[in-house]
């Protein structure tokens, strides 16, 4: 788990950088909740894509690249599943 100090340092370092970030807590005791986190990620990504509807192609492309990197990072997590596009 990330500490408050680490979050503060990261926010300071990336403050002026457009960054897509997700925190996934897979430590819960309920197996169903623990394995359903990917639905929450998918829902959030869908909402973000909707909000970019009127954005420039460059902004949409930057989001898609960030989303792809996020998905690749999440693949290694326990119970990870690829979010539908």
Protein backbone atom coordinates (compact mmCIF):
# COMPACT_ATOMS: atom_id res chain seq x y z
CA UNK A 1 0.00 0.00 0.00
CA UNK A 2 1.18 3.51 -0.80
CA UNK A 3 1.88 5.75 2.19
CA UNK A 4 0.69 9.35 2.52
CA UNK A 5 4.28 10.52 2.14
CA UNK A 6 4.71 8.56 -1.09
CA UNK A 7 1.47 9.99 -2.47
CA UNK A 8 2.54 13.52 -1.57
CA UNK A 9 5.94 13.04 -3.20
CA UNK A 10 4.35 11.55 -6.33
CA UNK A 11 1.79 14.38 -6.55
CA UNK A 12 4.61 16.91 -6.27
CA UNK A 13 6.71 15.18 -8.92
CA UNK A 14 3.82 14.70 -11.38
CA UNK A 15 1.84 17.84 -10.53
CA UNK A 16 2.18 19.39 -13.99
CA UNK A 17 2.10 16.10 -15.93
CA UNK A 18 -1.21 14.77 -17.31
CA UNK A 19 -1.37 11.39 -15.59
CA UNK A 20 -3.93 8.58 -15.56
CA UNK A 21 -3.71 6.83 -12.21
CA UNK A 22 -5.63 3.98 -10.64
CA UNK A 23 -5.36 2.39 -7.22
CA UNK A 24 -6.75 -1.10 -6.95
CA UNK A 25 -7.12 -2.66 -3.52
CA UNK A 26 -7.23 -6.44 -3.93
CA UNK A 27 -6.70 -7.20 -0.24
CA UNK A 28 -10.39 -7.42 0.75
CA UNK A 29 -11.61 -10.53 2.50
CA UNK A 30 -14.63 -11.12 0.25
CA UNK A 31 -13.47 -13.15 -2.77
CA UNK A 32 -16.20 -11.81 -5.03
CA UNK A 33 -15.43 -8.19 -4.17
CA UNK A 34 -11.72 -8.88 -4.50
CA UNK A 35 -12.17 -10.34 -7.99
CA UNK A 36 -14.70 -7.75 -9.20
CA UNK A 37 -12.36 -4.78 -9.00
CA UNK A 38 -11.84 -4.91 -12.76
CA UNK A 39 -15.52 -3.99 -13.27
CA UNK A 40 -14.88 -0.79 -11.29
CA UNK A 41 -11.83 -0.01 -13.42
CA UNK A 42 -13.83 -0.63 -16.61
CA UNK A 43 -16.65 1.61 -15.40
CA UNK A 44 -14.23 4.40 -14.58
CA UNK A 45 -12.50 4.10 -17.95
CA UNK A 46 -15.86 4.19 -19.73
CA UNK A 47 -16.79 7.40 -17.91
CA UNK A 48 -13.43 8.95 -18.77
CA UNK A 49 -13.84 8.03 -22.44
CA UNK A 50 -17.31 9.65 -22.44
CA UNK A 51 -15.86 12.82 -20.95
CA UNK A 52 -13.34 12.95 -23.82
CA UNK A 53 -16.04 12.80 -26.49
CA UNK A 54 -15.43 16.37 -27.63
CA UNK A 55 -11.68 16.35 -26.99
CA UNK A 56 -9.07 16.65 -29.69
CA UNK A 57 -7.67 13.57 -31.38
CA UNK A 58 -4.37 14.23 -29.62
CA UNK A 59 -6.06 14.20 -26.19
CA UNK A 60 -8.03 11.07 -27.05
CA UNK A 61 -4.85 9.40 -28.29
CA UNK A 62 -2.98 10.33 -25.12
CA UNK A 63 -5.82 8.86 -23.05
CA UNK A 64 -5.83 5.65 -25.09
CA UNK A 65 -2.06 5.26 -24.66
CA UNK A 66 -2.37 5.83 -20.91
CA UNK A 67 -5.28 3.40 -20.69
CA UNK A 68 -3.25 0.75 -22.52
CA UNK A 69 -0.30 1.23 -20.16
CA UNK A 70 -2.63 1.00 -17.17
CA UNK A 71 -4.18 -2.20 -18.49
CA UNK A 72 -0.75 -3.73 -19.01
CA UNK A 73 0.28 -2.83 -15.45
CA UNK A 74 -2.92 -4.33 -14.03
CA UNK A 75 -2.49 -7.63 -15.86
CA UNK A 76 0.01 -8.83 -13.27
CA UNK A 77 -2.35 -8.38 -10.33
CA UNK A 78 -4.03 -11.34 -8.69
CA UNK A 79 -7.48 -11.93 -10.22
CA UNK A 80 -6.71 -9.41 -12.96
CA UNK A 81 -8.89 -9.51 -16.05
CA UNK A 82 -8.72 -7.46 -19.21
CA UNK A 83 -11.36 -4.72 -19.14
CA UNK A 84 -13.64 -4.74 -22.19
CA UNK A 85 -12.98 -1.89 -24.65
